[in-house]
Amino acid sequence: MQKMKDKVVIVTGGGTGIGRGISERFAAEGAIVFVNYARSKEAAEETVQTILERGGRAFAYQADVVEDSAVKAMFADIAARFGRIDVLVNNAGWSQRVPHHQLADLTDEIWERTINTNLRGAFLCMRAVFPYLKKNPGSSIINIASIAPYTGQGSSIVYAASKAGVISMTKSFARILAPEARVNCIAPGFVRTRFAGWPQEVFDEAEKNSPLGRLAEPADIGAAAYFLAAEALATTGETINVDVGQTAIGRKV
C-alpha cells in the first residue's frame, strides 16, 4: 500500500540534487509532487518529466522562497487546485564556498543571500503552509539542514550558521504545529551534487574515510524524508543525520 497515495507534497528546490531525489521518492510512493524552483526551470521540468515517465504525478512550480508574497500565493494556489497540502519539504538552499579562515572573503552579499535563502526562506514557507497543514491529520514538514552546525565546517561559516537556525526552527515549529502536524529535520553530510561548487577531490576524500565506504546519495535523503513523512508518526522536533555515520563515529579506522 502506498502510504503517500494522493497526498500533496511540495518540495522547494525540488528539481536538482537532493531535491530531485526527494521529489522522485515521494512520487514513487503515490504522492502528487510539486517541484518548486526559483530559477532552475529546465531542471525542474526535467525532474517532472522523469516522474511522469515512471507513472507518477508531478508539476513544476516557480516561486522564489525569499519572496513572502510568492510563497503565500504558491500554497494558496496549490491548496485551491487540489484541496489539500500534506507535506512540505524545505529543501531550497544556497551557498558559496568560502574557506572558513578567509574571513575577508565572506562578504555581506554572500552572508545576506545565504541567510535569506536558507533560513528566512524556510521560515516564510513554514509560516505560510501552517494553516493548510493543520487541516490534514498526519501532515508534516521536513526541513533539510546539514551536519555543518555540528562539525563547525561546511561550505562557509554563514552556511553552517544558517543551517543551525533551520534545526532550531524545526523544534520551534514542532511545538506550535503540534498536535495537528509534525516537523522534523534531515541533516545530510557530503552528497555528490553541484551544490556550493565543491571540488571532486573533497568528495573523494570524504568517501575514502567514510565508515560505510560510500557517501549518501540524493535517493538516501529521499528515503529519510519519506520515512519522516509516512512512517515516523510518533516523531516530531527531531533531526536525523544522513551522513553515512561520519558525525556519529567519525573517520573509518
Protein backbone atom coordinates (compact mmCIF):
# COMPACT_ATOMS: atom_id res chain seq x y z
CA MET A 1 0.00 0.00 0.00
CA GLN A 2 1.29 3.43 -0.94
CA LYS A 3 1.02 5.48 2.23
CA MET A 4 1.50 8.72 0.30
CA LYS A 5 -1.08 7.96 -2.39
CA ASP A 6 -2.87 11.15 -3.47
CA LYS A 7 -1.10 13.22 -0.80
CA VAL A 8 0.05 16.64 -1.97
CA VAL A 9 3.77 17.18 -1.40
CA ILE A 10 5.69 20.38 -2.11
CA VAL A 11 9.47 20.17 -2.40
CA THR A 12 11.22 23.53 -2.57
CA GLY A 13 14.29 23.48 -4.76
CA GLY A 14 12.93 20.14 -5.90
CA GLY A 15 14.44 19.93 -9.37
CA THR A 16 18.12 19.37 -8.65
CA GLY A 17 20.42 17.36 -6.42
CA ILE A 18 18.93 16.36 -3.09
CA GLY A 19 15.62 17.99 -4.01
CA ARG A 20 15.28 15.79 -7.06
CA GLY A 21 15.96 12.67 -5.00
CA ILE A 22 13.22 13.70 -2.58
CA SER A 23 10.74 14.58 -5.33
CA GLU A 24 11.27 11.26 -7.10
CA ARG A 25 10.83 9.23 -3.92
CA PHE A 26 7.55 10.85 -2.92
CA ALA A 27 6.22 10.47 -6.47
CA ALA A 28 7.18 6.79 -6.44
CA GLU A 29 5.10 6.43 -3.27
CA GLY A 30 1.99 7.78 -4.99
CA ALA A 31 2.15 11.43 -3.95
CA ILE A 32 1.24 14.39 -6.14
CA VAL A 33 4.53 16.28 -6.12
CA PHE A 34 5.04 19.96 -6.77
CA VAL A 35 8.64 20.54 -7.79
CA ASN A 36 9.27 24.12 -6.73
CA TYR A 37 12.04 26.19 -8.28
CA ALA A 38 13.17 29.80 -8.32
CA ARG A 39 15.40 29.94 -11.40
CA SER A 40 16.16 26.32 -12.37
CA LYS A 41 13.13 25.91 -14.65
CA GLU A 42 14.77 23.46 -17.04
CA ALA A 43 15.94 21.17 -14.22
CA ALA A 44 12.54 21.25 -12.52
CA GLU A 45 10.74 20.39 -15.74
CA GLU A 46 13.21 17.58 -16.41
CA THR A 47 12.53 16.13 -12.95
CA VAL A 48 8.80 16.36 -13.57
CA GLN A 49 9.17 14.63 -16.93
CA THR A 50 11.15 11.79 -15.35
CA ILE A 51 8.44 11.32 -12.73
CA LEU A 52 5.71 11.32 -15.36
CA GLU A 53 7.57 8.74 -17.46
CA ARG A 54 7.69 6.50 -14.39
CA GLY A 55 3.94 6.73 -13.93
CA GLY A 56 3.96 9.35 -11.19
CA ARG A 57 2.27 12.72 -10.89
CA ALA A 58 4.25 15.94 -10.65
CA PHE A 59 4.15 19.62 -11.58
CA ALA A 60 6.85 22.26 -11.77
CA TYR A 61 6.03 25.43 -9.84
CA GLN A 62 8.00 28.65 -9.91
CA ALA A 63 8.20 30.68 -6.68
CA ASP A 64 11.23 32.21 -5.00
CA VAL A 65 11.16 31.20 -1.34
CA VAL A 66 12.68 34.51 -0.25
CA GLU A 67 9.62 36.41 -1.55
CA ASP A 68 6.82 36.24 1.01
CA SER A 69 4.07 37.13 -1.45
CA ALA A 70 5.23 34.44 -3.91
CA VAL A 71 5.36 31.83 -1.17
CA LYS A 72 1.86 32.66 0.07
CA ALA A 73 0.50 32.62 -3.46
CA MET A 74 2.08 29.22 -4.17
CA PHE A 75 0.49 27.50 -1.20
CA ALA A 76 -2.87 29.17 -1.74
CA ASP A 77 -2.91 28.18 -5.42
CA ILE A 78 -1.94 24.56 -4.79
CA ALA A 79 -4.45 24.19 -1.95
CA ALA A 80 -7.20 25.67 -4.14
CA ARG A 81 -6.40 23.32 -7.02
CA PHE A 82 -6.10 20.10 -5.02
CA GLY A 83 -7.96 20.86 -1.82
CA ARG A 84 -5.09 19.99 0.46
CA ILE A 85 -1.40 20.19 1.29
CA ASP A 86 0.04 17.27 3.23
CA VAL A 87 3.82 17.63 3.22
CA LEU A 88 6.25 20.50 2.80
CA VAL A 89 9.91 19.69 2.28
CA ASN A 90 12.02 22.80 2.82
CA ASN A 91 14.97 21.91 0.64
CA ALA A 92 15.71 25.13 -1.25
CA GLY A 93 19.13 26.44 -0.32
CA TRP A 94 22.10 28.43 -1.50
CA SER A 95 25.76 28.58 -0.61
CA GLN A 96 29.06 29.76 -1.99
CA ARG A 97 32.17 28.02 -0.81
CA VAL A 98 34.33 30.33 1.30
CA PRO A 99 37.12 28.64 3.31
CA HIS A 100 36.47 29.46 6.95
CA HIS A 101 39.84 31.08 7.58
CA GLN A 102 39.33 33.52 4.70
CA LEU A 103 37.11 35.80 6.75
CA ALA A 104 37.57 38.81 4.48
CA ASP A 105 36.07 36.82 1.59
CA LEU A 106 32.80 36.26 3.43
CA THR A 107 31.16 39.36 2.02
CA ASP A 108 27.93 40.99 3.12
CA GLU A 109 26.35 39.87 -0.14
CA ILE A 110 27.21 36.20 0.48
CA TRP A 111 26.08 36.47 4.10
CA GLU A 112 22.73 38.02 3.25
CA ARG A 113 21.91 35.72 0.34
CA THR A 114 22.77 32.61 2.38
CA ILE A 115 20.68 33.66 5.37
CA ASN A 116 17.79 34.85 3.20
CA THR A 117 17.57 31.65 1.19
CA ASN A 118 18.40 29.02 3.78
CA LEU A 119 16.86 30.46 6.93
CA ARG A 120 14.37 33.18 6.04
CA GLY A 121 13.07 31.18 3.09
CA ALA A 122 12.42 28.14 5.27
CA PHE A 123 10.64 30.34 7.82
CA LEU A 124 8.44 32.02 5.22
CA CYS A 125 7.41 28.65 3.80
CA MET A 126 6.61 27.15 7.20
CA ARG A 127 4.63 30.19 8.25
CA ALA A 128 2.63 30.23 5.01
CA VAL A 129 1.86 26.50 4.95
CA PHE A 130 0.87 26.41 8.63
CA PRO A 131 -2.93 26.87 8.14
CA TYR A 132 -3.13 24.28 5.35
CA LEU A 133 -1.25 21.53 7.18
CA LYS A 134 -3.34 21.92 10.30
CA LYS A 135 -6.43 20.87 8.32
CA ASN A 136 -4.99 17.45 7.42
CA PRO A 137 -4.23 14.88 10.13
CA GLY A 138 -0.84 13.26 9.59
CA SER A 139 0.63 16.22 7.73
CA SER A 140 4.23 17.24 8.26
CA ILE A 141 7.16 19.46 7.40
CA ILE A 142 10.63 18.11 6.69
CA ASN A 143 13.44 20.66 6.75
CA ILE A 144 16.76 19.95 5.05
CA ALA A 145 19.66 21.23 7.13
CA SER A 146 23.25 19.93 7.25
CA ILE A 147 25.77 18.35 9.59
CA ALA A 148 27.77 21.59 9.28
CA PRO A 149 26.34 23.07 12.52
CA TYR A 150 27.63 20.02 14.41
CA THR A 151 31.08 19.97 12.85
CA GLY A 152 31.71 23.70 12.53
CA GLN A 153 32.72 23.04 8.95
CA GLY A 154 30.73 23.23 5.72
CA SER A 155 30.98 25.45 2.69
CA SER A 156 31.14 28.65 4.76
CA ILE A 157 30.67 29.93 8.29
CA VAL A 158 27.37 31.56 7.38
CA TYR A 159 26.12 28.37 5.72
CA ALA A 160 26.71 26.43 8.95
CA ALA A 161 25.02 29.20 10.94
CA SER A 162 22.00 29.27 8.62
CA LYS A 163 21.53 25.52 8.93
CA ALA A 164 21.87 25.69 12.71
CA GLY A 165 18.96 28.12 12.56
CA VAL A 166 16.94 25.64 10.49
CA ILE A 167 17.49 22.96 13.13
CA SER A 168 16.39 25.37 15.86
CA MET A 169 13.29 26.45 13.91
CA THR A 170 12.39 22.81 13.42
CA LYS A 171 11.93 22.47 17.18
CA SER A 172 10.02 25.75 17.45
CA PHE A 173 7.58 24.88 14.68
CA ALA A 174 7.19 21.33 16.03
CA ARG A 175 5.87 22.92 19.22
CA ILE A 176 3.43 25.31 17.60
CA LEU A 177 2.10 22.87 14.99
CA ALA A 178 1.53 20.01 17.42
CA PRO A 179 -0.62 18.02 17.62
CA GLU A 180 -2.05 18.65 14.15
CA ALA A 181 1.24 18.35 12.24
CA ARG A 182 4.78 17.13 12.80
CA VAL A 183 8.00 18.97 11.96
CA ASN A 184 11.32 17.18 11.57
CA CYS A 185 14.69 17.80 10.00
CA ILE A 186 17.32 15.93 7.98
CA ALA A 187 21.00 16.85 8.25
CA PRO A 188 22.86 15.45 5.23
CA GLY A 189 26.61 15.09 5.09
CA PHE A 190 28.51 15.21 1.81
CA VAL A 191 26.29 14.31 -1.13
CA ARG A 192 27.71 14.39 -4.66
CA THR A 193 25.80 17.30 -6.17
CA ARG A 194 26.77 20.60 -7.77
CA PHE A 195 25.74 22.48 -4.63
CA ALA A 196 28.24 25.13 -3.45
CA GLY A 197 30.79 24.12 -6.09
CA TRP A 198 32.80 21.65 -4.02
CA PRO A 199 35.73 20.14 -5.99
CA GLN A 200 35.50 16.41 -6.64
CA GLU A 201 38.60 15.66 -4.57
CA VAL A 202 36.72 16.76 -1.44
CA PHE A 203 34.01 14.19 -2.13
CA ASP A 204 36.62 11.54 -2.92
CA GLU A 205 38.43 12.15 0.37
CA ALA A 206 35.22 12.04 2.36
CA GLU A 207 34.16 8.81 0.65
CA LYS A 208 37.56 7.22 1.33
CA ASN A 209 37.21 7.94 5.05
CA SER A 210 33.51 7.11 5.27
CA PRO A 211 32.56 4.43 7.84
CA LEU A 212 30.21 2.88 5.24
CA GLY A 213 32.67 3.17 2.38
CA ARG A 214 30.44 5.50 0.41
CA LEU A 215 28.70 8.86 0.53
CA ALA A 216 24.99 9.44 0.88
CA GLU A 217 23.13 9.97 -2.37
CA PRO A 218 20.06 12.09 -3.14
CA ALA A 219 17.95 8.93 -3.01
CA ASP A 220 19.13 8.33 0.58
CA ILE A 221 17.84 11.75 1.60
CA GLY A 222 14.61 10.99 -0.23
CA ALA A 223 14.24 7.76 1.75
CA ALA A 224 14.74 9.61 5.03
CA ALA A 225 12.21 12.27 4.05
CA TYR A 226 9.65 9.60 3.14
CA PHE A 227 10.28 7.84 6.47
CA LEU A 228 9.67 11.04 8.43
CA ALA A 229 6.51 11.84 6.46
CA ALA A 230 4.91 8.40 6.23
CA GLU A 231 6.40 6.10 8.86
CA ALA A 232 7.71 8.07 11.84
CA LEU A 233 4.29 9.15 13.05
CA ALA A 234 5.40 9.48 16.68
CA THR A 235 8.42 11.64 15.82
CA THR A 236 8.48 15.43 15.85
CA GLY A 237 11.10 18.08 16.56
CA GLU A 238 13.91 15.68 15.66
CA THR A 239 16.90 15.96 13.35
CA ILE A 240 18.20 12.83 11.62
CA ASN A 241 21.77 12.80 10.31
CA VAL A 242 22.11 11.12 6.92
CA ASP A 243 25.88 11.22 6.59
CA VAL A 244 26.98 7.55 6.44
CA GLY A 245 27.99 7.72 10.11
CA GLN A 246 30.61 10.44 9.80
CA THR A 247 29.23 12.64 12.57
CA ALA A 248 28.39 9.82 14.95
CA ILE A 249 31.51 7.67 14.65
CA GLY A 250 33.97 9.73 12.63
CA ARG A 251 36.58 8.56 10.18
CA LYS A 252 36.89 4.91 9.17
CA VAL A 253 39.57 3.14 11.22
